[in-house]
């Protein structure tokens, strides 16, 4: 999935769609842990919560349908 950075004051923000937040078990104002590994930014919940596997599949399906075109292009 490709996302656009957005200018916020003197910084840039990465906006996460609601289904992605739900997949991670995150809500507004939750904290995340940022890690850089081999040039990749990894975002994980600072205080992980258990998320039902059925909910994960449901939200992942929403993201896959919404980003179908982008995912096809990336697969080529």
N, C-alpha and C. Protein backbone atom coordinates (compact mmCIF):
# COMPACT_ATOMS: atom_id res chain seq x y z
N UNK A 1 0.85 -1.17 0.00
CA UNK A 1 0.00 0.00 0.00
C UNK A 1 0.90 1.24 0.00
N UNK A 2 0.59 2.18 -0.83
CA UNK A 2 1.36 3.42 -0.90
C UNK A 2 0.54 4.52 -0.23
N UNK A 3 1.18 5.28 0.65
CA UNK A 3 0.52 6.38 1.35
C UNK A 3 1.31 7.66 1.09
N UNK A 4 0.64 8.79 1.16
CA UNK A 4 1.24 10.11 0.95
C UNK A 4 1.50 10.76 2.31
N UNK A 5 2.69 11.32 2.50
CA UNK A 5 2.96 12.09 3.71
C UNK A 5 2.26 13.43 3.59
N UNK A 6 1.72 13.94 4.69
CA UNK A 6 0.99 15.21 4.71
C UNK A 6 1.69 16.19 5.63
N UNK A 7 1.78 17.43 5.19
CA UNK A 7 2.41 18.48 5.99
C UNK A 7 1.51 18.84 7.17
N UNK A 8 2.09 18.83 8.38
CA UNK A 8 1.38 19.23 9.60
C UNK A 8 2.35 20.11 10.39
N UNK A 9 2.12 21.42 10.34
CA UNK A 9 3.06 22.34 10.99
C UNK A 9 4.41 22.25 10.33
N UNK A 10 5.46 22.02 11.13
CA UNK A 10 6.82 21.87 10.60
C UNK A 10 7.19 20.41 10.39
N UNK A 11 6.22 19.52 10.47
CA UNK A 11 6.47 18.08 10.36
C UNK A 11 5.66 17.49 9.22
N UNK A 12 5.86 16.20 9.01
CA UNK A 12 5.05 15.44 8.06
C UNK A 12 4.34 14.33 8.81
N UNK A 13 3.12 14.03 8.40
CA UNK A 13 2.33 13.00 9.07
C UNK A 13 1.98 11.89 8.08
N UNK A 14 1.86 10.70 8.59
CA UNK A 14 1.40 9.56 7.83
C UNK A 14 0.00 9.24 8.32
N UNK A 15 -1.00 9.38 7.46
CA UNK A 15 -2.39 9.15 7.84
C UNK A 15 -2.71 7.67 7.64
N UNK A 16 -3.18 7.02 8.69
CA UNK A 16 -3.53 5.60 8.61
C UNK A 16 -5.05 5.46 8.53
N UNK A 17 -5.51 4.71 7.54
CA UNK A 17 -6.94 4.48 7.36
C UNK A 17 -7.49 3.72 8.57
N UNK A 18 -8.77 3.94 8.85
CA UNK A 18 -9.42 3.29 9.98
C UNK A 18 -9.27 1.77 9.95
N UNK A 19 -9.45 1.09 8.79
CA UNK A 19 -9.28 -0.36 8.79
C UNK A 19 -7.87 -0.80 9.18
N UNK A 20 -6.86 -0.01 8.82
CA UNK A 20 -5.48 -0.35 9.22
C UNK A 20 -5.34 -0.21 10.73
N UNK A 21 -5.87 0.86 11.29
CA UNK A 21 -5.83 1.04 12.74
C UNK A 21 -6.52 -0.13 13.44
N UNK A 22 -7.66 -0.55 12.90
CA UNK A 22 -8.39 -1.66 13.50
C UNK A 22 -7.60 -2.96 13.39
N UNK A 23 -6.91 -3.18 12.26
CA UNK A 23 -6.07 -4.38 12.11
C UNK A 23 -4.97 -4.42 13.16
N UNK A 24 -4.44 -3.24 13.50
CA UNK A 24 -3.38 -3.15 14.50
C UNK A 24 -3.92 -3.08 15.92
N UNK A 25 -5.24 -2.98 16.05
CA UNK A 25 -5.83 -2.84 17.38
C UNK A 25 -5.58 -1.47 17.98
N UNK A 26 -5.46 -0.45 17.11
CA UNK A 26 -5.18 0.91 17.56
C UNK A 26 -6.42 1.78 17.48
N UNK A 27 -6.46 2.77 18.34
CA UNK A 27 -7.50 3.78 18.33
C UNK A 27 -6.84 5.15 18.37
N UNK A 28 -7.64 6.19 18.14
CA UNK A 28 -7.13 7.56 18.20
C UNK A 28 -6.44 7.79 19.53
N UNK A 29 -5.31 8.46 19.49
CA UNK A 29 -4.50 8.82 20.66
C UNK A 29 -3.70 7.66 21.25
N UNK A 30 -3.78 6.43 20.68
CA UNK A 30 -2.92 5.34 21.14
C UNK A 30 -1.48 5.65 20.75
N UNK A 31 -0.55 5.04 21.43
CA UNK A 31 0.87 5.23 21.13
C UNK A 31 1.39 4.08 20.27
N UNK A 32 2.36 4.40 19.40
CA UNK A 32 2.99 3.40 18.55
C UNK A 32 4.49 3.41 18.76
N UNK A 33 5.10 2.28 18.48
CA UNK A 33 6.56 2.14 18.55
C UNK A 33 7.07 2.20 17.11
N UNK A 34 8.02 3.09 16.82
CA UNK A 34 8.62 3.19 15.50
C UNK A 34 10.00 2.56 15.53
N UNK A 35 10.25 1.67 14.57
CA UNK A 35 11.53 0.97 14.46
C UNK A 35 12.00 1.08 13.01
N UNK A 36 13.29 1.29 12.82
CA UNK A 36 13.86 1.28 11.48
C UNK A 36 14.73 0.05 11.36
N UNK A 37 14.41 -0.77 10.35
CA UNK A 37 15.16 -2.01 10.14
C UNK A 37 15.43 -2.18 8.65
N UNK A 38 16.69 -2.26 8.28
CA UNK A 38 17.09 -2.42 6.88
C UNK A 38 16.44 -1.38 5.98
N UNK A 39 16.38 -0.14 6.44
CA UNK A 39 15.83 0.96 5.65
C UNK A 39 14.31 1.00 5.60
N UNK A 40 13.64 0.15 6.39
CA UNK A 40 12.18 0.13 6.42
C UNK A 40 11.69 0.66 7.76
N UNK A 41 10.61 1.43 7.72
CA UNK A 41 9.97 1.93 8.93
C UNK A 41 8.91 0.92 9.35
N UNK A 42 9.01 0.45 10.59
CA UNK A 42 8.06 -0.52 11.13
C UNK A 42 7.29 0.16 12.24
N UNK A 43 5.96 0.16 12.11
CA UNK A 43 5.07 0.79 13.09
C UNK A 43 4.32 -0.33 13.82
N UNK A 44 4.48 -0.40 15.14
CA UNK A 44 3.79 -1.40 15.93
C UNK A 44 3.13 -0.72 17.13
N UNK A 45 2.04 -1.29 17.61
CA UNK A 45 1.40 -0.72 18.79
C UNK A 45 2.37 -0.75 19.99
N UNK A 46 2.43 0.34 20.73
CA UNK A 46 3.30 0.38 21.92
C UNK A 46 2.76 -0.55 23.00
N UNK A 47 1.45 -0.66 23.07
CA UNK A 47 0.79 -1.51 24.07
C UNK A 47 -0.24 -2.37 23.33
N UNK A 48 0.22 -3.47 22.71
CA UNK A 48 -0.67 -4.29 21.87
C UNK A 48 -1.89 -4.82 22.62
N UNK A 49 -3.00 -4.87 21.87
CA UNK A 49 -4.24 -5.44 22.38
C UNK A 49 -4.57 -6.67 21.53
N UNK A 50 -5.24 -7.64 22.10
CA UNK A 50 -5.66 -8.79 21.32
C UNK A 50 -6.79 -8.40 20.38
N UNK A 51 -6.68 -8.85 19.11
CA UNK A 51 -7.70 -8.58 18.12
C UNK A 51 -8.19 -9.92 17.59
N UNK A 52 -9.50 -10.09 17.54
CA UNK A 52 -10.11 -11.33 17.06
C UNK A 52 -9.70 -11.59 15.62
N UNK A 53 -9.34 -12.84 15.29
CA UNK A 53 -8.88 -13.16 13.94
C UNK A 53 -9.97 -12.92 12.89
N UNK A 54 -11.25 -13.08 13.25
CA UNK A 54 -12.34 -12.80 12.32
C UNK A 54 -12.40 -11.32 11.97
N UNK A 55 -12.16 -10.48 12.96
CA UNK A 55 -12.14 -9.03 12.74
C UNK A 55 -10.96 -8.67 11.84
N UNK A 56 -9.81 -9.30 12.06
CA UNK A 56 -8.64 -9.04 11.23
C UNK A 56 -8.94 -9.37 9.77
N UNK A 57 -9.52 -10.54 9.52
CA UNK A 57 -9.85 -10.92 8.14
C UNK A 57 -10.84 -9.94 7.52
N UNK A 58 -11.85 -9.56 8.27
CA UNK A 58 -12.86 -8.62 7.77
C UNK A 58 -12.23 -7.28 7.37
N UNK A 59 -11.38 -6.73 8.23
CA UNK A 59 -10.75 -5.44 7.95
C UNK A 59 -9.75 -5.55 6.82
N UNK A 60 -9.02 -6.66 6.77
CA UNK A 60 -8.06 -6.87 5.68
C UNK A 60 -8.78 -6.95 4.35
N UNK A 61 -9.93 -7.59 4.32
CA UNK A 61 -10.74 -7.66 3.09
C UNK A 61 -11.15 -6.26 2.63
N UNK A 62 -11.51 -5.40 3.57
CA UNK A 62 -11.90 -4.02 3.24
C UNK A 62 -10.73 -3.29 2.59
N UNK A 63 -9.55 -3.41 3.20
CA UNK A 63 -8.36 -2.74 2.66
C UNK A 63 -8.00 -3.30 1.29
N UNK A 64 -8.08 -4.63 1.14
CA UNK A 64 -7.74 -5.26 -0.14
C UNK A 64 -8.68 -4.79 -1.25
N UNK A 65 -9.97 -4.68 -0.96
CA UNK A 65 -10.92 -4.22 -1.97
C UNK A 65 -10.68 -2.75 -2.32
N UNK A 66 -10.44 -1.94 -1.30
CA UNK A 66 -10.23 -0.50 -1.51
C UNK A 66 -8.96 -0.23 -2.31
N UNK A 67 -7.92 -1.01 -2.09
CA UNK A 67 -6.61 -0.79 -2.72
C UNK A 67 -6.29 -1.82 -3.80
N UNK A 68 -7.31 -2.47 -4.34
CA UNK A 68 -7.13 -3.56 -5.31
C UNK A 68 -6.23 -3.15 -6.48
N UNK A 69 -6.49 -1.98 -7.06
CA UNK A 69 -5.72 -1.52 -8.21
C UNK A 69 -4.24 -1.33 -7.88
N UNK A 70 -3.97 -0.71 -6.76
CA UNK A 70 -2.58 -0.48 -6.35
C UNK A 70 -1.87 -1.81 -6.10
N UNK A 71 -2.54 -2.72 -5.43
CA UNK A 71 -1.94 -4.01 -5.13
C UNK A 71 -1.65 -4.81 -6.40
N UNK A 72 -2.52 -4.73 -7.40
CA UNK A 72 -2.27 -5.39 -8.67
C UNK A 72 -1.04 -4.83 -9.35
N UNK A 73 -0.93 -3.49 -9.33
CA UNK A 73 0.23 -2.85 -9.97
C UNK A 73 1.53 -3.23 -9.24
N UNK A 74 1.48 -3.31 -7.92
CA UNK A 74 2.66 -3.68 -7.15
C UNK A 74 3.07 -5.13 -7.41
N UNK A 75 2.10 -5.98 -7.68
CA UNK A 75 2.39 -7.40 -7.91
C UNK A 75 3.08 -7.65 -9.24
N UNK A 76 2.98 -6.70 -10.16
CA UNK A 76 3.58 -6.88 -11.51
C UNK A 76 5.07 -6.76 -11.47
